[in-house]
């Protein structure tokens, strides 16, 4: 397993009580390669999704997530995010510098996390952004792994404890192919994720499939 930074371990440890409160359940951890470039692609319904995925994957990898650049403006948070290896990205601007850095990290064997919807769904279907597809095509040796998160948006629903689930799985449609279009790659990955976990607004519980 690649080395995990001290700051990253510290940040995940600080958030573990939240995972405990959420009764975090993890499945599919074995599909994450324990070395080499990995692209974790997730659904995004809550601010807690990156944290829950990070805690869930910690036994295998440190995830260097593409995160909204405004987080670096929060007093005291910038050095922590940098120490965790997170990558700032300006949303909605086609931030090529952020993608270039993510490509360099992938080429160096890192595990990169990305949410192709670009922002929290708020219960609505979102357009897939092409960044995930571009990363997959630029670093074809990177393994794409899907990460579904369920019910993280109910973590603040006191006094009732939620049951947060994070599942890792190989995309049923396969890995990226050289002749694929980056936008189509992102679109099919989002479709797979949302077929498994439909969009849900924060504070609401996900409906069971088939209900």
N, C-alpha and C. Protein backbone atom coordinates (compact mmCIF):
# COMPACT_ATOMS: atom_id res chain seq x y z
N UNK A 1 0.84 -1.20 0.00
CA UNK A 1 0.00 0.00 0.00
C UNK A 1 0.87 1.25 0.00
N UNK A 2 0.60 2.24 -0.90
CA UNK A 2 1.37 3.49 -0.90
C UNK A 2 1.26 4.20 0.44
N UNK A 3 2.26 5.01 0.74
CA UNK A 3 2.29 5.72 2.02
C UNK A 3 1.13 6.71 2.11
N UNK A 4 0.53 6.77 3.28
CA UNK A 4 -0.54 7.73 3.55
C UNK A 4 0.03 8.83 4.43
N UNK A 5 -0.21 10.10 4.05
CA UNK A 5 0.39 11.20 4.79
C UNK A 5 -0.17 11.30 6.21
N UNK A 6 0.64 11.83 7.10
CA UNK A 6 0.23 11.99 8.50
C UNK A 6 -0.99 12.90 8.60
N UNK A 7 -0.99 13.97 7.80
CA UNK A 7 -2.13 14.91 7.84
C UNK A 7 -3.40 14.22 7.40
N UNK A 8 -3.30 13.38 6.38
CA UNK A 8 -4.48 12.67 5.88
C UNK A 8 -5.03 11.73 6.95
N UNK A 9 -4.15 10.98 7.59
CA UNK A 9 -4.60 10.07 8.66
C UNK A 9 -5.24 10.85 9.81
N UNK A 10 -4.63 12.00 10.15
CA UNK A 10 -5.17 12.83 11.22
C UNK A 10 -6.57 13.31 10.88
N UNK A 11 -6.74 13.81 9.66
CA UNK A 11 -8.04 14.34 9.24
C UNK A 11 -9.10 13.25 9.25
N UNK A 12 -8.75 12.06 8.77
CA UNK A 12 -9.70 10.96 8.78
C UNK A 12 -10.04 10.53 10.21
N UNK A 13 -9.04 10.56 11.08
CA UNK A 13 -9.28 10.19 12.49
C UNK A 13 -10.23 11.17 13.15
N UNK A 14 -10.06 12.47 12.86
CA UNK A 14 -10.93 13.50 13.43
C UNK A 14 -12.39 13.27 13.01
N UNK A 15 -12.58 12.76 11.79
CA UNK A 15 -13.93 12.57 11.25
C UNK A 15 -14.54 11.20 11.59
N UNK A 16 -13.75 10.32 12.19
CA UNK A 16 -14.26 8.98 12.48
C UNK A 16 -15.49 8.97 13.40
N UNK A 17 -15.59 9.88 14.39
CA UNK A 17 -16.81 9.89 15.19
C UNK A 17 -18.07 10.12 14.36
N UNK A 18 -17.95 10.90 13.28
CA UNK A 18 -19.10 11.12 12.40
C UNK A 18 -19.46 9.82 11.69
N UNK A 19 -18.42 9.09 11.23
CA UNK A 19 -18.67 7.80 10.58
C UNK A 19 -19.30 6.82 11.57
N UNK A 20 -18.84 6.88 12.83
CA UNK A 20 -19.43 6.01 13.86
C UNK A 20 -20.90 6.35 14.06
N UNK A 21 -21.20 7.66 14.17
CA UNK A 21 -22.58 8.08 14.33
C UNK A 21 -23.42 7.62 13.15
N UNK A 22 -22.84 7.67 11.96
CA UNK A 22 -23.55 7.25 10.75
C UNK A 22 -23.58 5.75 10.53
N UNK A 23 -22.98 4.99 11.47
CA UNK A 23 -22.94 3.52 11.36
C UNK A 23 -22.45 3.10 9.97
N UNK A 24 -21.33 3.69 9.58
CA UNK A 24 -20.79 3.50 8.23
C UNK A 24 -20.60 2.03 7.90
N UNK A 25 -21.15 1.61 6.78
CA UNK A 25 -20.97 0.27 6.25
C UNK A 25 -20.19 0.37 4.94
N UNK A 26 -19.18 -0.46 4.78
CA UNK A 26 -18.32 -0.42 3.59
C UNK A 26 -18.33 -1.77 2.90
N UNK A 27 -18.47 -1.75 1.59
CA UNK A 27 -18.41 -2.99 0.82
C UNK A 27 -17.59 -2.77 -0.45
N UNK A 28 -17.01 -3.84 -0.97
CA UNK A 28 -16.27 -3.78 -2.23
C UNK A 28 -14.87 -3.22 -2.12
N UNK A 29 -14.36 -3.09 -0.91
CA UNK A 29 -13.03 -2.49 -0.72
C UNK A 29 -11.95 -3.24 -1.50
N UNK A 30 -12.16 -4.53 -1.68
CA UNK A 30 -11.14 -5.36 -2.35
C UNK A 30 -10.94 -5.02 -3.82
N UNK A 31 -11.88 -4.27 -4.44
CA UNK A 31 -11.72 -3.94 -5.86
C UNK A 31 -10.76 -2.78 -6.07
N UNK A 32 -10.41 -2.06 -5.00
CA UNK A 32 -9.48 -0.93 -5.13
C UNK A 32 -8.05 -1.48 -5.17
N UNK A 33 -7.32 -1.27 -6.27
CA UNK A 33 -5.92 -1.72 -6.30
C UNK A 33 -5.12 -1.06 -5.19
N UNK A 34 -4.27 -1.84 -4.54
CA UNK A 34 -3.51 -1.26 -3.43
C UNK A 34 -2.24 -0.55 -3.89
N UNK A 35 -2.03 -0.49 -5.20
CA UNK A 35 -0.93 0.32 -5.75
C UNK A 35 -1.25 0.66 -7.19
N UNK A 36 -0.54 1.66 -7.73
CA UNK A 36 -0.77 2.09 -9.10
C UNK A 36 -1.88 3.12 -9.20
N UNK A 37 -2.01 3.76 -10.36
CA UNK A 37 -2.99 4.84 -10.54
C UNK A 37 -4.43 4.34 -10.48
N UNK A 38 -5.25 5.04 -9.70
CA UNK A 38 -6.66 4.69 -9.55
C UNK A 38 -7.49 5.97 -9.65
N UNK A 39 -8.63 5.87 -10.31
CA UNK A 39 -9.56 6.99 -10.43
C UNK A 39 -10.86 6.59 -9.76
N UNK A 40 -11.13 7.18 -8.58
CA UNK A 40 -12.37 6.91 -7.84
C UNK A 40 -13.43 7.90 -8.31
N UNK A 41 -14.54 7.39 -8.83
CA UNK A 41 -15.60 8.23 -9.38
C UNK A 41 -16.86 8.02 -8.55
N UNK A 42 -17.37 9.12 -7.95
CA UNK A 42 -18.50 8.96 -7.02
C UNK A 42 -19.70 9.84 -7.32
N UNK A 43 -20.83 9.45 -6.73
CA UNK A 43 -22.02 10.31 -6.74
C UNK A 43 -21.85 11.37 -5.64
N UNK A 44 -22.63 12.45 -5.76
CA UNK A 44 -22.41 13.56 -4.82
C UNK A 44 -23.75 14.15 -4.39
N UNK A 45 -24.24 13.71 -3.22
CA UNK A 45 -25.50 14.20 -2.68
C UNK A 45 -25.33 14.97 -1.38
N UNK A 46 -24.11 14.94 -0.80
CA UNK A 46 -23.90 15.57 0.50
C UNK A 46 -22.46 16.06 0.62
N UNK A 47 -22.27 17.09 1.46
CA UNK A 47 -20.91 17.56 1.75
C UNK A 47 -20.07 16.47 2.41
N UNK A 48 -20.72 15.49 3.02
CA UNK A 48 -20.01 14.43 3.72
C UNK A 48 -19.50 13.32 2.80
N UNK A 49 -19.91 13.29 1.55
CA UNK A 49 -19.53 12.20 0.66
C UNK A 49 -18.01 12.01 0.56
N UNK A 50 -17.23 13.08 0.29
CA UNK A 50 -15.78 12.87 0.18
C UNK A 50 -15.16 12.31 1.47
N UNK A 51 -15.68 12.75 2.62
CA UNK A 51 -15.15 12.28 3.90
C UNK A 51 -15.48 10.81 4.11
N UNK A 52 -16.73 10.43 3.85
CA UNK A 52 -17.13 9.04 4.05
C UNK A 52 -16.38 8.11 3.11
N UNK A 53 -16.18 8.54 1.86
CA UNK A 53 -15.43 7.72 0.91
C UNK A 53 -13.97 7.62 1.35
N UNK A 54 -13.41 8.73 1.83
CA UNK A 54 -12.02 8.73 2.29
C UNK A 54 -11.80 7.78 3.45
N UNK A 55 -12.72 7.82 4.43
CA UNK A 55 -12.62 6.91 5.58
C UNK A 55 -12.79 5.46 5.13
N UNK A 56 -13.76 5.24 4.23
CA UNK A 56 -14.04 3.88 3.76
C UNK A 56 -12.85 3.27 3.02
N UNK A 57 -12.12 4.08 2.27
CA UNK A 57 -11.03 3.57 1.44
C UNK A 57 -9.68 3.55 2.15
N UNK A 58 -9.60 4.07 3.36
CA UNK A 58 -8.31 4.31 4.00
C UNK A 58 -7.46 3.06 4.16
N UNK A 59 -8.08 1.91 4.34
CA UNK A 59 -7.29 0.68 4.48
C UNK A 59 -6.58 0.29 3.19
N UNK A 60 -7.01 0.90 2.08
CA UNK A 60 -6.39 0.59 0.78
C UNK A 60 -5.56 1.75 0.23
N UNK A 61 -6.18 2.97 0.23
CA UNK A 61 -5.51 4.09 -0.42
C UNK A 61 -5.84 5.42 0.23
N UNK A 62 -4.93 6.38 0.03
CA UNK A 62 -5.19 7.79 0.30
C UNK A 62 -5.77 8.39 -0.97
N UNK A 63 -6.93 9.04 -0.86
CA UNK A 63 -7.57 9.63 -2.04
C UNK A 63 -7.25 11.11 -2.12
N UNK A 64 -6.70 11.51 -3.24
CA UNK A 64 -6.41 12.92 -3.50
C UNK A 64 -7.57 13.46 -4.34
N UNK A 65 -8.50 14.10 -3.68
CA UNK A 65 -9.74 14.51 -4.35
C UNK A 65 -9.63 15.88 -5.00
N UNK A 66 -10.31 16.02 -6.12
CA UNK A 66 -10.51 17.33 -6.73
C UNK A 66 -11.62 18.01 -5.95
N UNK A 67 -11.29 19.08 -5.24
CA UNK A 67 -12.25 19.74 -4.34
C UNK A 67 -12.41 21.20 -4.74
N UNK A 68 -13.57 21.77 -4.44
CA UNK A 68 -13.84 23.15 -4.84
C UNK A 68 -12.80 24.09 -4.22
N UNK A 69 -12.29 24.99 -5.04
CA UNK A 69 -11.18 25.86 -4.64
C UNK A 69 -11.54 26.79 -3.49
N UNK A 70 -12.84 27.09 -3.31
CA UNK A 70 -13.24 28.01 -2.24
C UNK A 70 -12.93 27.45 -0.85
N UNK A 71 -12.75 26.13 -0.74
CA UNK A 71 -12.39 25.54 0.56
C UNK A 71 -11.04 26.06 1.04
N UNK A 72 -10.16 26.41 0.11
CA UNK A 72 -8.83 26.92 0.47
C UNK A 72 -8.90 28.33 1.06
N UNK A 73 -10.08 28.98 0.93
CA UNK A 73 -10.26 30.32 1.50
C UNK A 73 -10.72 30.27 2.96
N UNK A 74 -11.10 29.09 3.43
CA UNK A 74 -11.53 28.95 4.82
C UNK A 74 -10.32 29.06 5.74
N UNK A 75 -10.33 29.99 6.70
CA UNK A 75 -9.17 30.18 7.58
C UNK A 75 -8.71 28.88 8.24
N UNK A 76 -7.43 28.58 8.10
CA UNK A 76 -6.83 27.42 8.73
C UNK A 76 -6.99 26.12 7.99
N UNK A 77 -7.83 26.09 6.95
CA UNK A 77 -8.10 24.84 6.25
C UNK A 77 -7.11 24.54 5.14
N UNK A 78 -6.55 25.60 4.56
CA UNK A 78 -5.64 25.43 3.42
C UNK A 78 -4.46 24.48 3.72
N UNK A 79 -3.71 24.67 4.83
CA UNK A 79 -2.59 23.77 5.08
C UNK A 79 -3.01 22.32 5.30
N UNK A 80 -4.21 22.12 5.84
CA UNK A 80 -4.71 20.76 6.05
C UNK A 80 -5.02 20.10 4.70
N UNK A 81 -5.72 20.83 3.83
CA UNK A 81 -6.06 20.31 2.52
C UNK A 81 -4.79 20.00 1.72
N UNK A 82 -3.81 20.90 1.80
CA UNK A 82 -2.55 20.67 1.09
C UNK A 82 -1.82 19.46 1.65
N UNK A 83 -1.83 19.32 2.98
CA UNK A 83 -1.19 18.18 3.61
C UNK A 83 -1.87 16.87 3.27
N UNK A 84 -3.16 16.94 2.95
CA UNK A 84 -3.90 15.76 2.55
C UNK A 84 -3.73 15.44 1.07
N UNK A 85 -3.06 16.34 0.35
CA UNK A 85 -2.85 16.11 -1.08
C UNK A 85 -4.06 16.40 -1.93
N UNK A 86 -5.02 17.19 -1.40
CA UNK A 86 -6.21 17.52 -2.18
C UNK A 86 -5.87 18.53 -3.27
N UNK A 87 -6.68 18.54 -4.32
CA UNK A 87 -6.40 19.37 -5.50
C UNK A 87 -7.52 20.39 -5.68
N UNK A 88 -7.21 21.69 -5.58
CA UNK A 88 -8.27 22.70 -5.76
C UNK A 88 -8.69 22.83 -7.21
N UNK A 89 -9.99 22.92 -7.43
CA UNK A 89 -10.50 23.11 -8.79
C UNK A 89 -11.59 24.18 -8.76
N UNK A 90 -11.54 25.08 -9.73
CA UNK A 90 -12.55 26.12 -9.86
C UNK A 90 -13.71 25.52 -10.64
N UNK A 91 -14.84 25.36 -9.97
CA UNK A 91 -15.97 24.68 -10.59
C UNK A 91 -16.59 25.51 -11.71
N UNK A 92 -17.02 24.78 -12.76
CA UNK A 92 -17.72 25.41 -13.86
C UNK A 92 -16.86 26.25 -14.77
N UNK A 93 -15.51 26.11 -14.64
CA UNK A 93 -14.64 26.97 -15.45
C UNK A 93 -13.73 26.18 -16.38
N UNK A 94 -13.86 24.84 -16.39
CA UNK A 94 -12.94 24.04 -17.20
C UNK A 94 -11.51 24.23 -16.71
N UNK A 95 -11.29 24.08 -15.43
CA UNK A 95 -10.01 24.35 -14.79
C UNK A 95 -8.93 23.38 -15.30
N UNK A 96 -8.20 23.80 -16.33
CA UNK A 96 -7.21 22.93 -16.96
C UNK A 96 -6.01 22.69 -16.06
N UNK A 97 -5.65 23.67 -15.22
CA UNK A 97 -4.51 23.50 -14.33
C UNK A 97 -4.78 22.40 -13.30
N UNK A 98 -6.00 22.38 -12.76
CA UNK A 98 -6.37 21.34 -11.80
C UNK A 98 -6.31 19.96 -12.46
N UNK A 99 -6.81 19.86 -13.69
CA UNK A 99 -6.77 18.58 -14.39
C UNK A 99 -5.34 18.17 -14.72
N UNK A 100 -4.51 19.15 -15.08
CA UNK A 100 -3.09 18.83 -15.36
C UNK A 100 -2.41 18.28 -14.12
N UNK A 101 -2.71 18.88 -12.96
CA UNK A 101 -2.11 18.38 -11.73
C UNK A 101 -2.62 16.97 -11.41
N UNK A 102 -3.92 16.76 -11.61
CA UNK A 102 -4.49 15.43 -11.36
C UNK A 102 -3.86 14.39 -12.28
N UNK A 103 -3.60 14.78 -13.51
CA UNK A 103 -2.95 13.86 -14.46
C UNK A 103 -1.54 13.52 -13.99
N UNK A 104 -0.81 14.53 -13.53
CA UNK A 104 0.55 14.27 -13.02
C UNK A 104 0.52 13.32 -11.82
N UNK A 105 -0.44 13.55 -10.93
CA UNK A 105 -0.56 12.70 -9.75
C UNK A 105 -0.90 11.26 -10.16
N UNK A 106 -1.82 11.11 -11.10
CA UNK A 106 -2.18 9.77 -11.58
C UNK A 106 -0.98 9.09 -12.22
N UNK A 107 -0.26 9.82 -13.04
CA UNK A 107 0.92 9.24 -13.70
C UNK A 107 1.96 8.79 -12.68
N UNK A 108 1.95 9.44 -11.51
CA UNK A 108 2.87 9.07 -10.44
C UNK A 108 2.35 7.93 -9.57
N UNK A 109 1.17 7.40 -9.91
CA UNK A 109 0.62 6.26 -9.19
C UNK A 109 -0.36 6.60 -8.09
N UNK A 110 -0.88 7.83 -8.07
CA UNK A 110 -1.79 8.25 -7.01
C UNK A 110 -3.21 7.73 -7.24
N UNK A 111 -4.02 7.84 -6.20
CA UNK A 111 -5.45 7.54 -6.27
C UNK A 111 -6.18 8.88 -6.25
N UNK A 112 -6.85 9.20 -7.34
CA UNK A 112 -7.53 10.48 -7.50
C UNK A 112 -9.04 10.28 -7.36
N UNK A 113 -9.70 11.16 -6.60
CA UNK A 113 -11.14 11.11 -6.45
C UNK A 113 -11.81 12.25 -7.19
N UNK A 114 -12.91 11.96 -7.86
CA UNK A 114 -13.60 12.99 -8.63
C UNK A 114 -15.11 12.72 -8.62
N UNK A 115 -15.87 13.82 -8.58
CA UNK A 115 -17.33 13.74 -8.64
C UNK A 115 -17.75 14.38 -9.97
N UNK A 116 -18.08 13.57 -10.97
CA UNK A 116 -18.38 14.11 -12.31
C UNK A 116 -19.58 15.05 -12.36
N UNK A 117 -20.44 15.01 -11.35
CA UNK A 117 -21.58 15.93 -11.34
C UNK A 117 -21.13 17.35 -11.01
N UNK A 118 -19.95 17.51 -10.47
CA UNK A 118 -19.37 18.83 -10.25
C UNK A 118 -19.80 19.50 -8.96
N UNK A 119 -20.97 19.17 -8.46
CA UNK A 119 -21.47 19.77 -7.23
C UNK A 119 -22.53 18.86 -6.64
N UNK A 120 -23.05 19.23 -5.47
CA UNK A 120 -24.06 18.40 -4.81
C UNK A 120 -25.36 18.40 -5.62
N UNK A 121 -25.97 17.24 -5.73
CA UNK A 121 -27.13 17.07 -6.62
C UNK A 121 -28.38 17.80 -6.12
N UNK A 122 -28.56 17.88 -4.79
CA UNK A 122 -29.79 18.44 -4.19
C UNK A 122 -31.04 17.74 -4.71
N UNK A 123 -30.87 16.45 -4.97
CA UNK A 123 -32.01 15.63 -5.37
C UNK A 123 -32.36 15.70 -6.84
N UNK A 124 -31.55 16.43 -7.63
CA UNK A 124 -31.84 16.60 -9.04
C UNK A 124 -30.82 15.86 -9.91
N UNK A 125 -31.26 15.39 -11.07
CA UNK A 125 -30.34 14.79 -12.03
C UNK A 125 -29.39 15.87 -12.54
N UNK A 126 -28.10 15.58 -12.56
CA UNK A 126 -27.09 16.56 -12.95
C UNK A 126 -26.40 16.12 -14.25
N UNK A 127 -25.96 17.11 -15.00
CA UNK A 127 -25.19 16.82 -16.22
C UNK A 127 -23.80 16.35 -15.84
N UNK A 128 -23.34 15.29 -16.49
CA UNK A 128 -21.99 14.78 -16.23
C UNK A 128 -20.96 15.70 -16.88
N UNK A 129 -19.96 16.09 -16.11
CA UNK A 129 -18.86 16.90 -16.64
C UNK A 129 -17.74 15.98 -17.12
N UNK A 130 -17.01 16.41 -18.12
CA UNK A 130 -16.11 15.52 -18.84
C UNK A 130 -14.77 15.25 -18.15
N UNK A 131 -14.49 15.92 -17.02
CA UNK A 131 -13.18 15.80 -16.38
C UNK A 131 -12.76 14.37 -16.10
N UNK A 132 -13.69 13.56 -15.58
CA UNK A 132 -13.36 12.16 -15.27
C UNK A 132 -12.94 11.41 -16.53
N UNK A 133 -13.64 11.66 -17.63
CA UNK A 133 -13.28 11.02 -18.89
C UNK A 133 -11.94 11.47 -19.41
N UNK A 134 -11.64 12.74 -19.26
CA UNK A 134 -10.35 13.26 -19.72
C UNK A 134 -9.21 12.65 -18.93
N UNK A 135 -9.38 12.51 -17.62
CA UNK A 135 -8.35 11.90 -16.80
C UNK A 135 -8.14 10.44 -17.20
N UNK A 136 -9.24 9.73 -17.43
CA UNK A 136 -9.16 8.31 -17.80
C UNK A 136 -8.43 8.12 -19.12
N UNK A 137 -8.66 9.01 -20.07
CA UNK A 137 -8.02 8.88 -21.39
C UNK A 137 -6.56 9.33 -21.35
N UNK A 138 -6.26 10.34 -20.55
CA UNK A 138 -4.88 10.83 -20.46
C UNK A 138 -3.97 9.85 -19.74
N UNK A 139 -4.53 9.09 -18.81
CA UNK A 139 -3.74 8.10 -18.06
C UNK A 139 -4.45 6.75 -18.20
N UNK A 140 -4.32 6.10 -19.36
CA UNK A 140 -5.10 4.90 -19.64
C UNK A 140 -4.81 3.73 -18.70
N UNK A 141 -3.65 3.76 -18.04
CA UNK A 141 -3.33 2.68 -17.10
C UNK A 141 -4.07 2.84 -15.77
N UNK A 142 -4.70 4.00 -15.54
CA UNK A 142 -5.44 4.23 -14.30
C UNK A 142 -6.69 3.35 -14.27
N UNK A 143 -6.94 2.73 -13.13
CA UNK A 143 -8.11 1.86 -12.97
C UNK A 143 -9.28 2.69 -12.47
N UNK A 144 -10.40 2.64 -13.18
CA UNK A 144 -11.60 3.36 -12.76
C UNK A 144 -12.37 2.50 -11.77
N UNK A 145 -12.69 3.08 -10.62
CA UNK A 145 -13.50 2.41 -9.61
C UNK A 145 -14.65 3.34 -9.24
N UNK A 146 -15.86 2.82 -9.26
CA UNK A 146 -17.02 3.60 -8.85
C UNK A 146 -17.19 3.54 -7.33
N UNK A 147 -17.66 4.65 -6.76
CA UNK A 147 -17.93 4.70 -5.32
C UNK A 147 -19.32 5.28 -5.11
N UNK A 148 -20.23 4.47 -4.59
CA UNK A 148 -21.57 4.97 -4.28
C UNK A 148 -21.66 5.26 -2.79
N UNK A 149 -22.27 6.39 -2.46
CA UNK A 149 -22.50 6.76 -1.07
C UNK A 149 -24.00 6.96 -0.86
N UNK A 150 -24.54 6.32 0.17
CA UNK A 150 -25.97 6.41 0.46
C UNK A 150 -26.19 6.97 1.86
N UNK A 151 -27.11 7.91 1.97
CA UNK A 151 -27.62 8.45 3.24
C UNK A 151 -26.62 9.30 4.02
N UNK A 152 -25.54 9.76 3.38
CA UNK A 152 -24.63 10.66 4.10
C UNK A 152 -25.29 12.01 4.37
N UNK A 153 -26.31 12.35 3.60
CA UNK A 153 -27.00 13.62 3.80
C UNK A 153 -27.88 13.65 5.03
N UNK A 154 -28.03 12.50 5.71
CA UNK A 154 -28.86 12.45 6.92
C UNK A 154 -28.00 12.38 8.19
N UNK A 155 -26.72 12.66 8.08
CA UNK A 155 -25.84 12.57 9.25
C UNK A 155 -26.21 13.56 10.35
N UNK A 156 -26.85 14.65 9.98
CA UNK A 156 -27.23 15.65 10.98
C UNK A 156 -28.67 15.48 11.45
N UNK A 157 -29.28 14.35 11.11
CA UNK A 157 -30.69 14.14 11.44
C UNK A 157 -30.87 13.63 12.87
N UNK A 158 -30.45 14.43 13.85
CA UNK A 158 -30.61 14.04 15.26
C UNK A 158 -32.10 13.99 15.60
N UNK A 159 -32.51 13.12 16.53
CA UNK A 159 -31.65 12.17 17.26
C UNK A 159 -31.53 10.82 16.57
N UNK A 160 -32.16 10.68 15.41
CA UNK A 160 -32.15 9.39 14.73
C UNK A 160 -30.82 9.17 14.01
N UNK A 161 -30.19 8.06 14.31
CA UNK A 161 -28.90 7.76 13.66
C UNK A 161 -29.15 7.22 12.25
N UNK A 162 -28.38 7.71 11.28
CA UNK A 162 -28.52 7.18 9.93
C UNK A 162 -27.73 5.87 9.78
N UNK A 163 -27.77 5.32 8.59
CA UNK A 163 -26.94 4.16 8.27
C UNK A 163 -26.31 4.43 6.91
N UNK A 164 -25.13 5.01 6.95
CA UNK A 164 -24.42 5.42 5.74
C UNK A 164 -23.73 4.21 5.12
N UNK A 165 -23.85 4.09 3.81
CA UNK A 165 -23.24 2.98 3.10
C UNK A 165 -22.33 3.51 1.99
N UNK A 166 -21.11 3.00 1.94
CA UNK A 166 -20.19 3.30 0.84
C UNK A 166 -19.82 1.98 0.18
N UNK A 167 -20.03 1.91 -1.13
CA UNK A 167 -19.73 0.70 -1.89
C UNK A 167 -18.78 1.03 -3.03
N UNK A 168 -17.76 0.20 -3.20
CA UNK A 168 -16.82 0.33 -4.30
C UNK A 168 -17.06 -0.81 -5.29
N UNK A 169 -17.04 -0.48 -6.58
CA UNK A 169 -17.29 -1.51 -7.59
C UNK A 169 -16.67 -1.13 -8.92
N UNK A 170 -16.40 -2.16 -9.72
CA UNK A 170 -15.91 -1.95 -11.07
C UNK A 170 -17.08 -1.47 -11.94
N UNK A 171 -16.84 -0.54 -12.86
CA UNK A 171 -17.93 -0.12 -13.75
C UNK A 171 -18.37 -1.28 -14.65
N UNK A 172 -19.68 -1.55 -14.67
CA UNK A 172 -20.20 -2.66 -15.48
C UNK A 172 -19.93 -2.44 -16.96
N UNK A 173 -19.83 -1.18 -17.38
CA UNK A 173 -19.58 -0.85 -18.79
C UNK A 173 -18.11 -0.94 -19.15
N UNK A 174 -17.27 -1.29 -18.19
CA UNK A 174 -15.85 -1.49 -18.47
C UNK A 174 -15.01 -0.23 -18.27
N UNK A 175 -13.72 -0.41 -18.46
CA UNK A 175 -12.78 0.68 -18.34
C UNK A 175 -12.80 1.55 -19.61
N UNK A 176 -12.14 2.69 -19.55
CA UNK A 176 -12.10 3.60 -20.70
C UNK A 176 -11.35 2.95 -21.85
N UNK A 177 -11.82 3.20 -23.07
CA UNK A 177 -11.18 2.70 -24.28
C UNK A 177 -10.58 3.88 -25.05
N UNK A 178 -9.48 3.66 -25.77
CA UNK A 178 -8.78 4.77 -26.45
C UNK A 178 -9.66 5.58 -27.38
N UNK A 179 -10.67 4.95 -27.99
CA UNK A 179 -11.52 5.67 -28.95
C UNK A 179 -12.75 6.29 -28.29
N UNK A 180 -12.84 6.23 -26.97
CA UNK A 180 -13.97 6.83 -26.26
C UNK A 180 -13.90 8.35 -26.27
N UNK A 181 -15.06 8.97 -26.17
CA UNK A 181 -15.15 10.42 -25.98
C UNK A 181 -15.19 10.70 -24.48
N UNK A 182 -14.40 11.68 -24.00
CA UNK A 182 -14.37 11.93 -22.55
C UNK A 182 -15.73 12.25 -21.96
N UNK A 183 -16.53 13.01 -22.68
CA UNK A 183 -17.86 13.33 -22.18
C UNK A 183 -18.75 12.11 -22.07
N UNK A 184 -18.63 11.19 -23.03
CA UNK A 184 -19.44 9.98 -23.00
C UNK A 184 -19.00 9.04 -21.87
N UNK A 185 -17.68 9.03 -21.59
CA UNK A 185 -17.19 8.22 -20.46
C UNK A 185 -17.84 8.71 -19.17
N UNK A 186 -17.76 10.02 -18.94
CA UNK A 186 -18.35 10.60 -17.72
C UNK A 186 -19.85 10.34 -17.67
N UNK A 187 -20.51 10.46 -18.80
CA UNK A 187 -21.96 10.28 -18.86
C UNK A 187 -22.35 8.85 -18.47
N UNK A 188 -21.64 7.86 -18.99
CA UNK A 188 -22.00 6.48 -18.68
C UNK A 188 -21.66 6.11 -17.23
N UNK A 189 -20.58 6.70 -16.71
CA UNK A 189 -20.24 6.43 -15.31
C UNK A 189 -21.29 7.01 -14.37
N UNK A 190 -21.74 8.23 -14.66
CA UNK A 190 -22.80 8.84 -13.85
C UNK A 190 -24.08 8.03 -13.96
N UNK A 191 -24.39 7.55 -15.16
CA UNK A 191 -25.61 6.74 -15.31
C UNK A 191 -25.53 5.49 -14.44
N UNK A 192 -24.36 4.82 -14.44
CA UNK A 192 -24.21 3.63 -13.60
C UNK A 192 -24.40 3.98 -12.12
N UNK A 193 -23.75 5.06 -11.70
CA UNK A 193 -23.86 5.47 -10.30
C UNK A 193 -25.31 5.78 -9.93
N UNK A 194 -25.99 6.52 -10.79
CA UNK A 194 -27.35 6.95 -10.47
C UNK A 194 -28.38 5.84 -10.66
N UNK A 195 -28.06 4.82 -11.46
CA UNK A 195 -28.93 3.66 -11.51
C UNK A 195 -28.88 2.91 -10.16
N UNK A 196 -27.72 2.99 -9.50
CA UNK A 196 -27.55 2.33 -8.21
C UNK A 196 -28.06 3.21 -7.06
N UNK A 197 -27.76 4.52 -7.14
CA UNK A 197 -28.13 5.46 -6.07
C UNK A 197 -28.75 6.71 -6.72
N UNK A 198 -30.07 6.77 -6.83
CA UNK A 198 -30.71 7.95 -7.41
C UNK A 198 -30.41 9.20 -6.59
N UNK A 199 -30.44 10.38 -7.23
CA UNK A 199 -30.18 11.63 -6.50
C UNK A 199 -31.16 11.81 -5.35
N UNK A 200 -30.65 12.31 -4.23
CA UNK A 200 -31.51 12.56 -3.07
C UNK A 200 -31.06 13.85 -2.40
N UNK A 201 -32.01 14.67 -2.00
CA UNK A 201 -31.69 15.94 -1.35
C UNK A 201 -31.16 15.69 0.05
N UNK A 202 -30.25 16.56 0.51
CA UNK A 202 -29.69 16.46 1.85
C UNK A 202 -30.82 16.47 2.88
N UNK A 203 -30.70 15.62 3.89
CA UNK A 203 -31.71 15.52 4.93
C UNK A 203 -32.77 14.48 4.64
N UNK A 204 -32.78 13.96 3.41
CA UNK A 204 -33.74 12.91 3.05
C UNK A 204 -33.01 11.58 2.94
N UNK A 205 -33.72 10.51 3.13
CA UNK A 205 -33.14 9.18 3.03
C UNK A 205 -33.36 8.64 1.63
N UNK A 206 -32.35 7.90 1.16
CA UNK A 206 -32.46 7.29 -0.17
C UNK A 206 -33.54 6.22 -0.15
N UNK A 207 -34.30 6.14 -1.21
CA UNK A 207 -35.32 5.09 -1.33
C UNK A 207 -34.64 3.79 -1.77
N UNK A 208 -35.10 2.69 -1.23
CA UNK A 208 -34.57 1.40 -1.64
C UNK A 208 -34.89 1.18 -3.10
N UNK A 209 -33.98 0.53 -3.83
CA UNK A 209 -34.20 0.25 -5.24
C UNK A 209 -35.48 -0.60 -5.40
N UNK A 210 -36.28 -0.19 -6.37
CA UNK A 210 -37.50 -0.94 -6.60
C UNK A 210 -38.68 -0.46 -5.79
N UNK A 211 -38.46 0.53 -4.89
CA UNK A 211 -39.58 1.00 -4.05
C UNK A 211 -40.33 2.11 -4.78
